[in-house]
Protein backbone atom coordinates (compact mmCIF):
# COMPACT_ATOMS: atom_id res chain seq x y z
CA MET A 1 -0.11 0.06 -0.54
CA ALA A 2 1.53 3.53 -0.57
CA HIS A 3 2.65 5.29 2.56
CA LEU A 4 0.55 9.10 3.59
CA THR A 5 3.92 9.94 4.41
CA ALA A 6 5.13 9.83 1.20
CA ARG A 7 2.10 11.09 -0.32
CA ARG A 8 3.44 13.65 -3.26
CA PRO A 9 2.49 17.15 -2.48
CA GLN A 10 1.59 18.02 -6.66
CA ASN A 11 -1.38 15.95 -5.42
CA ILE A 12 -4.78 17.50 -4.87
CA ASP A 13 -6.43 16.67 -1.02
CA GLY A 14 -8.73 13.48 -0.61
CA ASP A 15 -8.88 10.19 -0.34
CA ILE A 16 -6.79 8.77 -3.56
CA TYR A 17 -3.31 10.20 -4.03
CA VAL A 18 -0.12 8.62 -5.55
CA ASP A 19 3.11 8.64 -3.61
CA GLY A 20 6.53 8.72 -4.00
CA SER A 21 7.09 5.18 -5.35
CA CYS A 22 5.22 5.92 -9.05
CA ILE A 23 7.42 4.92 -11.16
CA ASP A 24 6.09 7.44 -14.01
CA CYS A 25 4.69 4.69 -16.07
CA ASP A 26 1.47 6.25 -17.37
CA THR A 27 -1.03 3.70 -16.75
CA CYS A 28 -3.51 5.99 -14.16
CA ARG A 29 -2.91 8.69 -16.62
CA TRP A 30 -3.35 6.61 -19.80
CA MET A 31 -6.94 4.88 -17.81
CA ALA A 32 -8.24 7.80 -16.08
CA PRO A 33 -6.89 10.94 -17.51
CA ASP A 34 -9.67 13.15 -15.93
CA ILE A 35 -8.31 12.15 -12.63
CA PHE A 36 -4.21 11.77 -12.82
CA THR A 37 -1.55 13.82 -14.72
CA ARG A 38 1.87 14.13 -14.75
CA ALA A 39 3.42 16.87 -11.96
CA ASP A 40 7.28 17.02 -12.15
CA GLY A 41 8.07 13.72 -13.25
CA GLN A 42 5.53 11.91 -11.70
CA SER A 43 1.93 11.06 -11.67
CA ALA A 44 -0.41 12.97 -9.38
CA VAL A 45 -4.43 13.33 -8.93
CA PHE A 46 -5.38 16.65 -9.86
CA HIS A 47 -9.11 16.09 -9.50
CA GLN A 48 -10.64 13.90 -6.99
CA PRO A 49 -13.34 11.55 -8.04
CA GLU A 50 -16.99 12.85 -7.96
CA THR A 51 -19.05 10.10 -9.11
CA GLU A 52 -19.15 6.39 -8.90
CA ALA A 53 -17.87 6.23 -12.69
CA GLU A 54 -14.98 8.54 -11.79
CA ARG A 55 -14.29 6.43 -9.22
CA LEU A 56 -14.49 3.25 -10.78
CA ALA A 57 -12.06 4.55 -13.02
CA ALA A 58 -9.61 5.82 -10.63
CA LEU A 59 -9.97 2.67 -8.69
CA GLN A 60 -9.45 0.76 -12.09
CA ALA A 61 -6.51 2.95 -13.26
CA VAL A 62 -4.51 2.46 -9.82
CA LEU A 63 -5.11 -1.60 -9.54
CA PRO A 64 -2.23 -2.52 -11.52
CA GLN A 65 0.56 -0.57 -9.75
CA SER A 66 -1.26 -1.30 -6.21
CA LEU A 67 -0.65 -4.61 -6.56
CA LYS A 68 3.06 -3.55 -7.76
CA ASP A 69 4.23 -1.10 -5.79
CA GLY A 70 1.19 0.72 -4.13
CA ALA A 71 0.54 4.03 -5.24
CA PHE A 72 -2.63 4.27 -4.26
CA PHE A 73 -4.91 4.85 -0.50
CA ASP A 74 -7.93 5.18 0.00
CA SER A 75 -8.65 5.83 3.88
CA GLU A 76 -12.02 6.19 3.82
CA GLU A 77 -13.15 3.19 1.82
CA GLY A 78 -11.48 0.53 3.45
CA GLY A 79 -8.16 0.63 1.31
CA PHE A 80 -7.20 -1.83 -0.85
CA THR A 81 -9.93 -4.54 -0.10
CA HIS A 82 -12.48 -1.88 -1.09
CA LEU A 83 -10.40 -1.38 -4.66
CA LEU A 84 -10.76 -5.23 -5.16
CA SER A 85 -14.11 -5.32 -4.31
CA ALA A 86 -15.13 -2.25 -6.12
CA LEU A 87 -13.91 -3.92 -9.55
């Protein structure tokens, strides 16, 4: 899982964020361009999901990275367990 202490300052406030372990693979930006952007050489969240469709897109976009290096955290919705059940 991502670490809150490693949360990138380029993210806007909210439960979904990218931490410093991002390898800039572009997966999240490609899959959810309305949520993720590139900032200072890594991905960052510039828009928190407001609808279920946006939330699902964001969760699907971070799933590959969550499994690999934990670039996602969702404190209010149950974290990784919620991520898997949302898909």
